[in-house]
């Protein structure tokens, strides 16, 4: 399947395509980006691609290097430790400031969660997980908070996708079910506490996985591997 952009190329669309490649590892961490080659693959000129990469640099996906190119930021345990507490703190704030949930909203959360429970593909599972959290916090009217969360969670998805793809681990829906249950009971503090637990699990499995990746890279090759 071609990854070319067939509609009028715009920076936001180019940015979305490049971000997806970074999340899925098609553009590997620590590797320089060949602008000419990538522009050909996306069927765009270098100019909107460069503009998209400048935005992705501010989002924490790439780094400018040597004053002329871009490098995909490598996965890093320090980033996991930085971003996950921010995500759960902001989501908790958004949930606390949301209005009461209607029966229709709770049914929507249940349906998305049911779809997520039966999704095996990591990319689509993470998309559904994002959709569930967006639906949960849709009543919060703080636009800046939503924009900040979106950028942070997109960075987190790089790690989650890599881990799930390698381990075969699926997104857990148990805490989502618990959050819905507490919201139906009208216990917002309990739902908020479960939301924090939902995000705090991430570093517990991602950090050991990242350490194992470093160990693999440090492991010397045997004679038979040469």
N, C-alpha and C. Protein backbone atom coordinates (compact mmCIF):
# COMPACT_ATOMS: atom_id res chain seq x y z
N UNK A 1 0.84 -1.19 0.00
CA UNK A 1 0.00 0.00 0.00
C UNK A 1 0.88 1.24 0.00
N UNK A 2 0.58 2.18 -0.85
CA UNK A 2 1.39 3.39 -0.94
C UNK A 2 1.12 4.30 0.24
N UNK A 3 2.15 4.99 0.70
CA UNK A 3 2.02 5.94 1.79
C UNK A 3 1.97 7.36 1.26
N UNK A 4 1.81 7.49 -0.07
CA UNK A 4 1.81 8.81 -0.68
C UNK A 4 0.56 9.58 -0.28
N UNK A 5 0.68 10.89 -0.17
CA UNK A 5 -0.45 11.76 0.15
C UNK A 5 -1.08 12.18 -1.17
N UNK A 6 -2.33 11.78 -1.39
CA UNK A 6 -2.94 12.00 -2.68
C UNK A 6 -3.74 13.30 -2.73
N UNK A 7 -4.12 13.86 -1.59
CA UNK A 7 -4.82 15.14 -1.61
C UNK A 7 -3.79 16.26 -1.63
N UNK A 8 -4.31 17.50 -1.72
CA UNK A 8 -3.43 18.65 -1.72
C UNK A 8 -2.56 18.61 -0.47
N UNK A 9 -1.24 18.52 -0.62
CA UNK A 9 -0.39 18.37 0.57
C UNK A 9 -0.40 19.63 1.43
N UNK A 10 -0.67 19.46 2.69
CA UNK A 10 -0.62 20.55 3.66
C UNK A 10 0.26 20.10 4.81
N UNK A 11 0.78 21.09 5.52
CA UNK A 11 1.76 20.79 6.56
C UNK A 11 1.19 19.86 7.64
N UNK A 12 -0.06 20.10 8.02
CA UNK A 12 -0.65 19.27 9.09
C UNK A 12 -0.74 17.82 8.66
N UNK A 13 -1.06 17.57 7.41
CA UNK A 13 -1.18 16.20 6.94
C UNK A 13 0.19 15.53 6.85
N UNK A 14 1.17 16.28 6.36
CA UNK A 14 2.53 15.74 6.30
C UNK A 14 3.02 15.43 7.71
N UNK A 15 2.75 16.33 8.62
CA UNK A 15 3.16 16.14 10.01
C UNK A 15 2.54 14.87 10.59
N UNK A 16 1.26 14.64 10.31
CA UNK A 16 0.57 13.46 10.83
C UNK A 16 1.18 12.19 10.27
N UNK A 17 1.52 12.18 8.98
CA UNK A 17 2.11 10.99 8.37
C UNK A 17 3.50 10.70 8.95
N UNK A 18 4.28 11.75 9.12
CA UNK A 18 5.64 11.56 9.65
C UNK A 18 5.56 11.11 11.11
N UNK A 19 4.65 11.72 11.89
CA UNK A 19 4.50 11.33 13.29
C UNK A 19 4.12 9.86 13.40
N UNK A 20 3.24 9.40 12.51
CA UNK A 20 2.84 7.99 12.55
C UNK A 20 4.05 7.09 12.27
N UNK A 21 4.89 7.47 11.34
CA UNK A 21 6.07 6.66 11.03
C UNK A 21 7.02 6.61 12.22
N UNK A 22 7.10 7.71 12.96
CA UNK A 22 7.97 7.72 14.14
C UNK A 22 7.38 6.85 15.23
N UNK A 23 6.07 6.96 15.46
CA UNK A 23 5.40 6.17 16.48
C UNK A 23 5.55 4.68 16.21
N UNK A 24 5.38 4.28 14.95
CA UNK A 24 5.44 2.86 14.60
C UNK A 24 6.86 2.35 14.37
N UNK A 25 7.85 3.26 14.45
CA UNK A 25 9.23 2.84 14.28
C UNK A 25 9.70 2.76 12.85
N UNK A 26 8.85 3.12 11.88
CA UNK A 26 9.29 3.14 10.49
C UNK A 26 10.43 4.13 10.30
N UNK A 27 10.37 5.21 11.05
CA UNK A 27 11.51 6.12 11.16
C UNK A 27 12.11 5.85 12.54
N UNK A 28 13.25 5.18 12.56
CA UNK A 28 13.80 4.66 13.81
C UNK A 28 14.45 5.75 14.65
N UNK A 29 14.32 5.60 15.97
CA UNK A 29 14.94 6.52 16.91
C UNK A 29 16.45 6.53 16.77
N UNK A 30 17.03 7.72 16.83
CA UNK A 30 18.48 7.87 16.73
C UNK A 30 18.99 7.94 15.32
N UNK A 31 18.10 7.81 14.33
CA UNK A 31 18.53 7.81 12.93
C UNK A 31 18.22 9.16 12.27
N UNK A 32 19.12 9.63 11.41
CA UNK A 32 18.83 10.87 10.67
C UNK A 32 17.73 10.65 9.64
N UNK A 33 17.00 11.70 9.33
CA UNK A 33 15.93 11.65 8.35
C UNK A 33 16.47 12.16 7.01
N UNK A 34 16.34 11.37 5.98
CA UNK A 34 16.72 11.79 4.64
C UNK A 34 15.53 12.53 4.04
N UNK A 35 15.62 13.86 4.03
CA UNK A 35 14.48 14.68 3.61
C UNK A 35 14.06 14.40 2.17
N UNK A 36 15.03 14.29 1.28
CA UNK A 36 14.70 14.09 -0.13
C UNK A 36 13.99 12.76 -0.33
N UNK A 37 14.50 11.72 0.30
CA UNK A 37 13.91 10.39 0.16
C UNK A 37 12.50 10.34 0.76
N UNK A 38 12.34 10.91 1.96
CA UNK A 38 11.04 10.88 2.62
C UNK A 38 10.02 11.73 1.86
N UNK A 39 10.46 12.85 1.32
CA UNK A 39 9.55 13.70 0.53
C UNK A 39 9.05 12.94 -0.69
N UNK A 40 9.91 12.18 -1.33
CA UNK A 40 9.49 11.38 -2.50
C UNK A 40 8.46 10.34 -2.08
N UNK A 41 8.69 9.67 -0.95
CA UNK A 41 7.76 8.64 -0.49
C UNK A 41 6.39 9.22 -0.18
N UNK A 42 6.36 10.44 0.35
CA UNK A 42 5.10 11.08 0.71
C UNK A 42 4.50 11.87 -0.44
N UNK A 43 5.24 11.96 -1.56
CA UNK A 43 4.79 12.69 -2.75
C UNK A 43 4.53 14.16 -2.45
N UNK A 44 5.47 14.76 -1.72
CA UNK A 44 5.40 16.19 -1.42
C UNK A 44 6.77 16.80 -1.68
N UNK A 45 6.81 18.12 -1.69
CA UNK A 45 8.10 18.78 -1.82
C UNK A 45 8.79 18.81 -0.46
N UNK A 46 10.06 19.16 -0.46
CA UNK A 46 10.82 19.19 0.78
C UNK A 46 10.34 20.30 1.71
N UNK A 47 9.80 21.40 1.14
CA UNK A 47 9.42 22.55 1.97
C UNK A 47 8.36 22.22 3.01
N UNK A 48 7.18 21.65 2.64
CA UNK A 48 6.22 21.31 3.70
C UNK A 48 6.72 20.23 4.65
N UNK A 49 7.59 19.35 4.15
CA UNK A 49 8.16 18.32 5.02
C UNK A 49 9.06 18.97 6.06
N UNK A 50 9.89 19.89 5.64
CA UNK A 50 10.78 20.58 6.59
C UNK A 50 9.95 21.35 7.62
N UNK A 51 8.88 22.02 7.16
CA UNK A 51 8.02 22.76 8.08
C UNK A 51 7.37 21.82 9.10
N UNK A 52 6.94 20.64 8.63
CA UNK A 52 6.34 19.66 9.54
C UNK A 52 7.36 19.17 10.55
N UNK A 53 8.59 18.97 10.12
CA UNK A 53 9.64 18.49 11.03
C UNK A 53 9.99 19.54 12.07
N UNK A 54 9.92 20.80 11.70
CA UNK A 54 10.17 21.87 12.67
C UNK A 54 9.11 21.81 13.77
N UNK A 55 7.85 21.56 13.39
CA UNK A 55 6.79 21.43 14.39
C UNK A 55 6.98 20.17 15.23
N UNK A 56 7.40 19.08 14.58
CA UNK A 56 7.63 17.84 15.32
C UNK A 56 8.82 17.96 16.26
N UNK A 57 9.74 18.85 15.95
CA UNK A 57 10.84 19.11 16.88
C UNK A 57 10.31 19.74 18.17
N UNK A 58 9.39 20.68 18.02
CA UNK A 58 8.81 21.31 19.22
C UNK A 58 7.95 20.33 20.00
N UNK A 59 7.44 19.29 19.32
CA UNK A 59 6.63 18.26 19.99
C UNK A 59 7.49 17.19 20.64
N UNK A 60 8.80 17.22 20.42
CA UNK A 60 9.68 16.26 21.05
C UNK A 60 9.92 14.99 20.26
N UNK A 61 9.56 14.97 18.98
CA UNK A 61 9.74 13.78 18.16
C UNK A 61 11.08 13.74 17.44
N UNK A 62 11.58 14.89 17.02
CA UNK A 62 12.83 14.94 16.28
C UNK A 62 13.73 16.03 16.87
N UNK A 63 14.99 15.97 16.47
CA UNK A 63 15.96 16.98 16.88
C UNK A 63 16.67 17.49 15.64
N UNK A 64 16.94 18.78 15.61
CA UNK A 64 17.78 19.34 14.54
C UNK A 64 19.24 19.02 14.87
N UNK A 65 20.02 18.69 13.85
CA UNK A 65 21.42 18.38 14.10
C UNK A 65 22.29 18.99 13.00
N UNK A 66 23.45 19.42 13.39
CA UNK A 66 24.46 19.98 12.49
C UNK A 66 23.93 21.16 11.68
N UNK A 67 22.84 21.74 12.17
CA UNK A 67 22.32 22.93 11.53
C UNK A 67 21.68 22.72 10.17
N UNK A 68 21.53 21.45 9.74
CA UNK A 68 21.00 21.27 8.39
C UNK A 68 20.04 20.09 8.25
N UNK A 69 19.92 19.25 9.25
CA UNK A 69 19.06 18.08 9.12
C UNK A 69 18.30 17.79 10.39
N UNK A 70 17.59 16.68 10.37
CA UNK A 70 16.79 16.27 11.52
C UNK A 70 17.09 14.81 11.87
N UNK A 71 17.02 14.55 13.16
CA UNK A 71 17.28 13.22 13.71
C UNK A 71 16.06 12.81 14.53
N UNK A 72 15.59 11.57 14.35
CA UNK A 72 14.50 11.07 15.19
C UNK A 72 15.02 10.88 16.61
N UNK A 73 14.34 11.47 17.58
CA UNK A 73 14.80 11.35 18.95
C UNK A 73 14.77 9.90 19.40
N UNK A 74 15.84 9.42 19.99
CA UNK A 74 15.84 8.03 20.48
C UNK A 74 14.91 7.88 21.67
N UNK A 75 14.39 6.66 21.86
CA UNK A 75 13.59 6.37 23.04
C UNK A 75 14.47 6.49 24.28
N UNK A 76 13.91 7.05 25.34
CA UNK A 76 14.73 7.37 26.50
C UNK A 76 13.91 7.22 27.78
N UNK A 77 14.45 6.51 28.75
CA UNK A 77 13.76 6.29 30.02
C UNK A 77 13.45 7.61 30.73
N UNK A 78 14.33 8.58 30.58
CA UNK A 78 14.10 9.87 31.24
C UNK A 78 12.84 10.54 30.71
N UNK A 79 12.56 10.36 29.43
CA UNK A 79 11.34 10.94 28.86
C UNK A 79 10.10 10.27 29.44
N UNK A 80 10.15 8.96 29.60
CA UNK A 80 9.03 8.24 30.22
C UNK A 80 8.77 8.79 31.62
N UNK A 81 9.83 8.95 32.40
CA UNK A 81 9.68 9.47 33.76
C UNK A 81 9.19 10.91 33.77
N UNK A 82 9.48 11.64 32.71
CA UNK A 82 9.05 13.04 32.63
C UNK A 82 7.58 13.16 32.25
N UNK A 83 7.16 12.42 31.22
CA UNK A 83 5.86 12.71 30.62
C UNK A 83 4.68 12.00 31.29
N UNK A 84 4.88 10.81 31.81
CA UNK A 84 3.73 10.10 32.37
C UNK A 84 3.12 10.79 33.58
N UNK A 85 3.90 11.28 34.55
CA UNK A 85 3.27 12.02 35.66
C UNK A 85 2.53 13.26 35.18
N UNK A 86 3.03 13.91 34.13
CA UNK A 86 2.33 15.07 33.58
C UNK A 86 0.99 14.65 32.99
N UNK A 87 0.98 13.52 32.27
CA UNK A 87 -0.25 13.06 31.65
C UNK A 87 -1.31 12.76 32.70
N UNK A 88 -0.93 11.96 33.72
CA UNK A 88 -1.99 11.60 34.67
C UNK A 88 -2.42 12.79 35.52
N UNK A 89 -1.51 13.72 35.79
CA UNK A 89 -1.90 14.91 36.57
C UNK A 89 -2.89 15.77 35.78
N UNK A 90 -2.62 15.97 34.50
CA UNK A 90 -3.50 16.80 33.67
C UNK A 90 -4.83 16.10 33.41
N UNK A 91 -4.80 14.78 33.19
CA UNK A 91 -6.07 14.06 32.98
C UNK A 91 -6.92 14.09 34.25
N UNK A 92 -6.30 13.94 35.39
CA UNK A 92 -7.05 14.01 36.64
C UNK A 92 -7.69 15.39 36.80
N UNK A 93 -6.94 16.44 36.47
CA UNK A 93 -7.48 17.80 36.54
C UNK A 93 -8.67 17.96 35.59
N UNK A 94 -8.52 17.42 34.37
CA UNK A 94 -9.60 17.52 33.39
C UNK A 94 -10.85 16.78 33.86
N UNK A 95 -10.66 15.60 34.44
CA UNK A 95 -11.82 14.82 34.90
C UNK A 95 -12.51 15.52 36.07
N UNK A 96 -11.72 16.07 36.98
CA UNK A 96 -12.32 16.78 38.11
C UNK A 96 -13.16 17.97 37.66
N UNK A 97 -12.72 18.63 36.58
CA UNK A 97 -13.40 19.85 36.14
C UNK A 97 -14.49 19.57 35.10
N UNK A 98 -14.73 18.29 34.80
CA UNK A 98 -15.76 17.94 33.81
C UNK A 98 -17.14 17.93 34.47
N UNK A 99 -18.18 18.23 33.71
CA UNK A 99 -19.54 18.16 34.26
C UNK A 99 -19.96 16.71 34.48
N UNK A 100 -21.12 16.52 35.08
CA UNK A 100 -21.64 15.17 35.31
C UNK A 100 -21.81 14.43 33.99
N UNK A 101 -21.61 13.13 34.03
CA UNK A 101 -21.69 12.32 32.83
C UNK A 101 -23.14 11.85 32.61
N UNK A 102 -23.58 11.97 31.37
CA UNK A 102 -24.91 11.49 31.03
C UNK A 102 -24.87 9.99 30.78
N UNK A 103 -26.05 9.36 30.74
CA UNK A 103 -26.13 7.94 30.43
C UNK A 103 -25.58 7.65 29.04
N UNK A 104 -25.82 8.58 28.10
CA UNK A 104 -25.32 8.39 26.73
C UNK A 104 -23.79 8.43 26.70
N UNK A 105 -23.18 9.32 27.48
CA UNK A 105 -21.72 9.40 27.52
C UNK A 105 -21.11 8.13 28.10
N UNK A 106 -21.74 7.60 29.14
CA UNK A 106 -21.24 6.38 29.76
C UNK A 106 -21.38 5.19 28.81
N UNK A 107 -22.46 5.16 28.03
CA UNK A 107 -22.62 4.08 27.04
C UNK A 107 -21.56 4.18 25.96
N UNK A 108 -21.22 5.41 25.57
CA UNK A 108 -20.17 5.60 24.56
C UNK A 108 -18.84 5.09 25.09
N UNK A 109 -18.52 5.40 26.34
CA UNK A 109 -17.28 4.91 26.94
C UNK A 109 -17.26 3.39 27.00
N UNK A 110 -18.39 2.78 27.32
CA UNK A 110 -18.48 1.32 27.36
C UNK A 110 -18.28 0.71 25.98
N UNK A 111 -18.84 1.33 24.96
CA UNK A 111 -18.72 0.79 23.60
C UNK A 111 -17.29 0.86 23.10
N UNK A 112 -16.63 2.00 23.32
CA UNK A 112 -15.23 2.13 22.90
C UNK A 112 -14.37 1.12 23.63
N UNK A 113 -14.65 0.95 24.92
CA UNK A 113 -13.87 -0.01 25.72
C UNK A 113 -14.08 -1.44 25.24
N UNK A 114 -15.32 -1.76 24.84
CA UNK A 114 -15.60 -3.10 24.31
C UNK A 114 -14.85 -3.33 23.00
N UNK A 115 -14.81 -2.31 22.14
CA UNK A 115 -14.07 -2.42 20.89
C UNK A 115 -12.58 -2.61 21.17
N UNK A 116 -12.09 -1.88 22.16
CA UNK A 116 -10.67 -1.96 22.52
C UNK A 116 -10.32 -3.35 23.04
N UNK A 117 -11.21 -3.95 23.79
CA UNK A 117 -10.94 -5.26 24.39
C UNK A 117 -10.70 -6.33 23.33
N UNK A 118 -11.28 -6.15 22.15
CA UNK A 118 -11.18 -7.16 21.10
C UNK A 118 -10.21 -6.75 19.99
N UNK A 119 -9.41 -5.71 20.23
CA UNK A 119 -8.47 -5.23 19.21
C UNK A 119 -7.07 -5.75 19.50
N UNK A 120 -6.51 -6.49 18.55
CA UNK A 120 -5.18 -7.07 18.73
C UNK A 120 -4.07 -6.23 18.13
N UNK A 121 -4.38 -5.45 17.09
CA UNK A 121 -3.34 -4.67 16.42
C UNK A 121 -2.90 -3.51 17.32
N UNK A 122 -1.60 -3.40 17.63
CA UNK A 122 -1.15 -2.36 18.57
C UNK A 122 -1.52 -0.95 18.15
N UNK A 123 -1.34 -0.62 16.87
CA UNK A 123 -1.60 0.75 16.44
C UNK A 123 -3.07 1.10 16.61
N UNK A 124 -3.96 0.20 16.17
CA UNK A 124 -5.39 0.48 16.28
C UNK A 124 -5.87 0.41 17.72
N UNK A 125 -5.24 -0.46 18.52
CA UNK A 125 -5.59 -0.53 19.94
C UNK A 125 -5.25 0.78 20.64
N UNK A 126 -4.09 1.32 20.34
CA UNK A 126 -3.70 2.59 20.96
C UNK A 126 -4.57 3.74 20.46
N UNK A 127 -5.01 3.65 19.20
CA UNK A 127 -5.92 4.68 18.68
C UNK A 127 -7.24 4.64 19.45
N UNK A 128 -7.76 3.42 19.70
CA UNK A 128 -9.00 3.29 20.46
C UNK A 128 -8.82 3.74 21.90
N UNK A 129 -7.66 3.44 22.48
CA UNK A 129 -7.39 3.88 23.85
C UNK A 129 -7.38 5.41 23.91
N UNK A 130 -6.76 6.04 22.91
CA UNK A 130 -6.77 7.51 22.86
C UNK A 130 -8.19 8.04 22.72
N UNK A 131 -8.99 7.37 21.88
CA UNK A 131 -10.37 7.78 21.67
C UNK A 131 -11.17 7.68 22.97
N UNK A 132 -10.90 6.62 23.76
CA UNK A 132 -11.61 6.45 25.03
C UNK A 132 -11.29 7.60 25.98
N UNK A 133 -10.02 7.94 26.08
CA UNK A 133 -9.63 9.03 26.98
C UNK A 133 -10.16 10.37 26.50
N UNK A 134 -10.21 10.57 25.18
CA UNK A 134 -10.78 11.81 24.65
C UNK A 134 -12.26 11.90 25.00
N UNK A 135 -12.98 10.78 24.87
CA UNK A 135 -14.40 10.78 25.22
C UNK A 135 -14.60 11.03 26.71
N UNK A 136 -13.72 10.45 27.52
CA UNK A 136 -13.82 10.63 28.97
C UNK A 136 -13.68 12.10 29.35
N UNK A 137 -12.80 12.80 28.68
CA UNK A 137 -12.48 14.18 29.06
C UNK A 137 -13.14 15.22 28.16
N UNK A 138 -14.06 14.78 27.31
CA UNK A 138 -14.66 15.69 26.33
C UNK A 138 -15.44 16.84 26.96
N UNK A 139 -15.89 16.65 28.20
CA UNK A 139 -16.64 17.71 28.85
C UNK A 139 -15.78 18.82 29.40
N UNK A 140 -14.49 18.59 29.53
CA UNK A 140 -13.59 19.63 30.02
C UNK A 140 -13.43 20.71 28.95
N UNK A 141 -13.60 21.96 29.31
CA UNK A 141 -13.59 23.05 28.34
C UNK A 141 -12.24 23.76 28.24
N UNK A 142 -11.22 23.26 28.96
CA UNK A 142 -9.90 23.90 28.94
C UNK A 142 -9.15 23.45 27.69
N UNK A 143 -9.16 24.29 26.66
CA UNK A 143 -8.58 23.93 25.37
C UNK A 143 -7.07 23.75 25.46
N UNK A 144 -6.41 24.60 26.24
CA UNK A 144 -4.96 24.48 26.38
C UNK A 144 -4.58 23.17 27.03
N UNK A 145 -5.36 22.75 28.01
CA UNK A 145 -5.11 21.48 28.67
C UNK A 145 -5.21 20.33 27.66
N UNK A 146 -6.25 20.35 26.83
CA UNK A 146 -6.43 19.30 25.82
C UNK A 146 -5.27 19.27 24.83
N UNK A 147 -4.83 20.44 24.39
CA UNK A 147 -3.74 20.50 23.42
C UNK A 147 -2.44 19.98 24.03
N UNK A 148 -2.19 20.33 25.28
CA UNK A 148 -0.99 19.86 25.97
C UNK A 148 -1.02 18.35 26.15
N UNK A 149 -2.18 17.83 26.55
CA UNK A 149 -2.32 16.39 26.72
C UNK A 149 -2.13 15.64 25.40
N UNK A 150 -2.67 16.17 24.33
CA UNK A 150 -2.55 15.50 23.03
C UNK A 150 -1.09 15.33 22.64
N UNK A 151 -0.30 16.38 22.82
CA UNK A 151 1.12 16.31 22.46
C UNK A 151 1.87 15.32 23.35
N UNK A 152 1.58 15.35 24.66
CA UNK A 152 2.26 14.44 25.58
C UNK A 152 1.91 12.98 25.31
N UNK A 153 0.62 12.73 25.05
CA UNK A 153 0.19 11.35 24.84
C UNK A 153 0.70 10.79 23.52
N UNK A 154 0.86 11.65 22.52
CA UNK A 154 1.42 11.18 21.27
C UNK A 154 2.87 10.73 21.47
N UNK A 155 3.60 11.45 22.30
CA UNK A 155 4.97 11.03 22.60
C UNK A 155 4.98 9.71 23.38
N UNK A 156 4.02 9.55 24.30
CA UNK A 156 3.94 8.31 25.07
C UNK A 156 3.63 7.12 24.18
N UNK A 157 2.84 7.33 23.12
CA UNK A 157 2.45 6.23 22.25
C UNK A 157 3.64 5.59 21.55
N UNK A 158 4.70 6.35 21.31
CA UNK A 158 5.91 5.76 20.72
C UNK A 158 6.41 4.60 21.56
N UNK A 159 6.44 4.81 22.85
CA UNK A 159 6.94 3.79 23.76
C UNK A 159 5.96 2.63 23.87
N UNK A 160 4.69 2.95 23.99
CA UNK A 160 3.69 1.91 24.16
C UNK A 160 3.59 1.02 22.92
N UNK A 161 3.66 1.64 21.74
CA UNK A 161 3.59 0.85 20.51
C UNK A 161 4.80 -0.09 20.41
N UNK A 162 5.98 0.44 20.68
CA UNK A 162 7.19 -0.38 20.59
C UNK A 162 7.14 -1.55 21.55
N UNK A 163 6.69 -1.29 22.77
CA UNK A 163 6.59 -2.36 23.76
C UNK A 163 5.56 -3.40 23.36
N UNK A 164 4.38 -2.94 22.95
CA UNK A 164 3.31 -3.87 22.60
C UNK A 164 3.65 -4.70 21.36
N UNK A 165 4.30 -4.07 20.41
CA UNK A 165 4.65 -4.79 19.18
C UNK A 165 5.64 -5.91 19.48
N UNK A 166 6.58 -5.65 20.38
CA UNK A 166 7.60 -6.66 20.68
C UNK A 166 7.08 -7.72 21.65
N UNK A 167 6.30 -7.31 22.64
CA UNK A 167 5.88 -8.24 23.70
C UNK A 167 4.57 -8.96 23.40
N UNK A 168 3.77 -8.38 22.50
CA UNK A 168 2.45 -8.94 22.25
C UNK A 168 1.44 -8.55 23.31
N UNK A 169 1.84 -7.69 24.24
CA UNK A 169 0.95 -7.24 25.31
C UNK A 169 -0.20 -6.42 24.72
N UNK A 170 -1.39 -6.58 25.30
CA UNK A 170 -2.56 -5.83 24.84
C UNK A 170 -2.89 -4.72 25.82
N UNK A 171 -3.62 -3.72 25.34
CA UNK A 171 -4.06 -2.65 26.22
C UNK A 171 -5.11 -3.20 27.18
N UNK A 172 -4.89 -2.99 28.47
CA UNK A 172 -5.84 -3.45 29.47
C UNK A 172 -7.06 -2.53 29.52
N UNK A 173 -8.25 -3.14 29.62
CA UNK A 173 -9.48 -2.36 29.71
C UNK A 173 -10.09 -2.41 31.10
N UNK A 174 -9.45 -3.11 32.04
CA UNK A 174 -10.03 -3.30 33.36
C UNK A 174 -10.22 -1.99 34.11
N UNK A 175 -9.21 -1.12 34.05
CA UNK A 175 -9.34 0.14 34.79
C UNK A 175 -10.34 1.07 34.13
N UNK A 176 -10.44 1.00 32.80
CA UNK A 176 -11.48 1.78 32.12
C UNK A 176 -12.85 1.36 32.64
N UNK A 177 -13.05 0.05 32.77
CA UNK A 177 -14.32 -0.46 33.28
C UNK A 177 -14.57 0.05 34.70
N UNK A 178 -13.53 0.07 35.53
CA UNK A 178 -13.67 0.57 36.88
C UNK A 178 -14.01 2.05 36.92
N UNK A 179 -13.39 2.83 36.04
CA UNK A 179 -13.66 4.27 35.98
C UNK A 179 -15.12 4.52 35.61
N UNK A 180 -15.60 3.78 34.60
CA UNK A 180 -17.00 3.93 34.18
C UNK A 180 -17.94 3.57 35.33
N UNK A 181 -17.60 2.50 36.04
CA UNK A 181 -18.43 2.07 37.18
C UNK A 181 -18.52 3.16 38.24
N UNK A 182 -17.39 3.76 38.57
CA UNK A 182 -17.39 4.80 39.61
C UNK A 182 -18.12 6.05 39.14
N UNK A 183 -18.00 6.38 37.86
CA UNK A 183 -18.73 7.54 37.34
C UNK A 183 -20.24 7.30 37.37
N UNK A 184 -20.64 6.06 37.09
CA UNK A 184 -22.07 5.73 37.13
C UNK A 184 -22.58 5.82 38.57
N UNK A 185 -21.73 5.48 39.54
CA UNK A 185 -22.11 5.59 40.96
C UNK A 185 -22.07 7.03 41.45
N UNK A 186 -21.46 7.92 40.66
CA UNK A 186 -21.33 9.31 41.07
C UNK A 186 -20.16 9.57 41.97
N UNK A 187 -19.21 8.63 42.01
CA UNK A 187 -18.03 8.79 42.87
C UNK A 187 -16.86 9.31 42.02
N UNK A 188 -16.83 10.62 41.83
CA UNK A 188 -15.78 11.23 40.99
C UNK A 188 -14.38 11.05 41.58
N UNK A 189 -14.18 11.20 42.91
CA UNK A 189 -12.83 10.98 43.45
C UNK A 189 -12.29 9.58 43.18
N UNK A 190 -13.14 8.56 43.32
CA UNK A 190 -12.70 7.19 43.07
C UNK A 190 -12.35 7.00 41.60
N UNK A 191 -13.15 7.58 40.71
CA UNK A 191 -12.87 7.49 39.27
C UNK A 191 -11.56 8.19 38.94
N UNK A 192 -11.30 9.31 39.58
CA UNK A 192 -10.07 10.06 39.34
C UNK A 192 -8.86 9.28 39.82
N UNK A 193 -9.00 8.62 40.96
CA UNK A 193 -7.90 7.80 41.49
C UNK A 193 -7.58 6.64 40.54
N UNK A 194 -8.61 6.01 40.00
CA UNK A 194 -8.40 4.92 39.05
C UNK A 194 -7.75 5.42 37.76
N UNK A 195 -8.08 6.66 37.37
CA UNK A 195 -7.48 7.24 36.18
C UNK A 195 -5.97 7.41 36.37
N UNK A 196 -5.56 7.84 37.56
CA UNK A 196 -4.13 7.95 37.85
C UNK A 196 -3.47 6.58 37.77
N UNK A 197 -4.11 5.56 38.35
CA UNK A 197 -3.55 4.21 38.30
C UNK A 197 -3.42 3.72 36.87
N UNK A 198 -4.39 4.08 36.05
CA UNK A 198 -4.39 3.65 34.65
C UNK A 198 -3.13 4.14 33.92
N UNK A 199 -2.73 5.37 34.20
CA UNK A 199 -1.54 5.91 33.53
C UNK A 199 -0.25 5.53 34.24
N UNK A 200 -0.30 5.34 35.56
CA UNK A 200 0.93 5.05 36.30
C UNK A 200 1.47 3.65 36.01
N UNK A 201 0.63 2.79 35.42
CA UNK A 201 1.10 1.45 35.03
C UNK A 201 2.15 1.55 33.93
N UNK A 202 2.02 2.54 33.04
CA UNK A 202 2.90 2.66 31.88
C UNK A 202 4.37 2.56 32.22
N UNK A 203 4.89 3.43 33.08
CA UNK A 203 6.32 3.36 33.39
C UNK A 203 6.75 2.03 34.01
N UNK A 204 5.83 1.33 34.68
CA UNK A 204 6.18 0.08 35.35
C UNK A 204 6.57 -1.01 34.37
N UNK A 205 5.98 -0.99 33.16
CA UNK A 205 6.40 -1.98 32.17
C UNK A 205 7.32 -1.39 31.12
N UNK A 206 7.24 -0.09 30.89
CA UNK A 206 8.07 0.52 29.85
C UNK A 206 9.53 0.65 30.28
N UNK A 207 9.77 1.00 31.53
CA UNK A 207 11.15 1.21 31.97
C UNK A 207 11.98 -0.08 31.93
N UNK A 208 11.46 -1.21 32.43
CA UNK A 208 12.23 -2.46 32.29
C UNK A 208 12.44 -2.84 30.82
N UNK A 209 11.43 -2.58 29.99
CA UNK A 209 11.57 -2.89 28.56
C UNK A 209 12.67 -2.05 27.92
N UNK A 210 12.71 -0.77 28.24
CA UNK A 210 13.76 0.10 27.70
C UNK A 210 15.14 -0.36 28.16
N UNK A 211 15.24 -0.79 29.41
CA UNK A 211 16.52 -1.28 29.91
C UNK A 211 16.93 -2.54 29.17
N UNK A 212 15.95 -3.40 28.86
CA UNK A 212 16.28 -4.61 28.11
C UNK A 212 16.75 -4.28 26.70
N UNK A 213 16.19 -3.21 26.12
CA UNK A 213 16.64 -2.79 24.79
C UNK A 213 18.08 -2.31 24.83
N UNK A 214 18.43 -1.59 25.89
CA UNK A 214 19.81 -1.13 26.04
C UNK A 214 20.76 -2.30 26.22
N UNK A 215 20.32 -3.31 26.97
CA UNK A 215 21.16 -4.48 27.20
C UNK A 215 21.42 -5.22 25.90
N UNK A 216 20.41 -5.31 25.04
CA UNK A 216 20.58 -5.97 23.76
C UNK A 216 21.60 -5.23 22.89
N UNK A 217 21.54 -3.90 22.95
CA UNK A 217 22.46 -3.11 22.14
C UNK A 217 23.89 -3.22 22.65
N UNK A 218 24.05 -3.42 23.99
CA UNK A 218 25.40 -3.51 24.56
C UNK A 218 25.99 -4.90 24.42
N UNK A 219 25.12 -5.90 24.21
CA UNK A 219 25.59 -7.29 24.19
C UNK A 219 26.56 -7.50 23.03
N UNK A 220 27.79 -7.97 23.32
CA UNK A 220 28.77 -8.18 22.23
C UNK A 220 28.36 -9.36 21.37
N UNK A 221 28.68 -9.26 20.11
CA UNK A 221 28.35 -10.34 19.17
C UNK A 221 29.36 -11.49 19.32
N UNK A 222 28.87 -12.70 19.19
CA UNK A 222 29.76 -13.86 19.23
C UNK A 222 30.38 -14.06 17.85
N UNK A 223 31.38 -14.93 17.78
CA UNK A 223 32.05 -15.18 16.52
C UNK A 223 31.06 -15.66 15.46
N UNK A 224 30.10 -16.48 15.88
CA UNK A 224 29.14 -17.02 14.93
C UNK A 224 28.18 -15.97 14.39
N UNK A 225 28.10 -14.78 15.07
CA UNK A 225 27.20 -13.73 14.61
C UNK A 225 27.84 -12.86 13.55
N UNK A 226 29.14 -13.00 13.37
CA UNK A 226 29.83 -12.07 12.47
C UNK A 226 29.62 -12.46 11.01
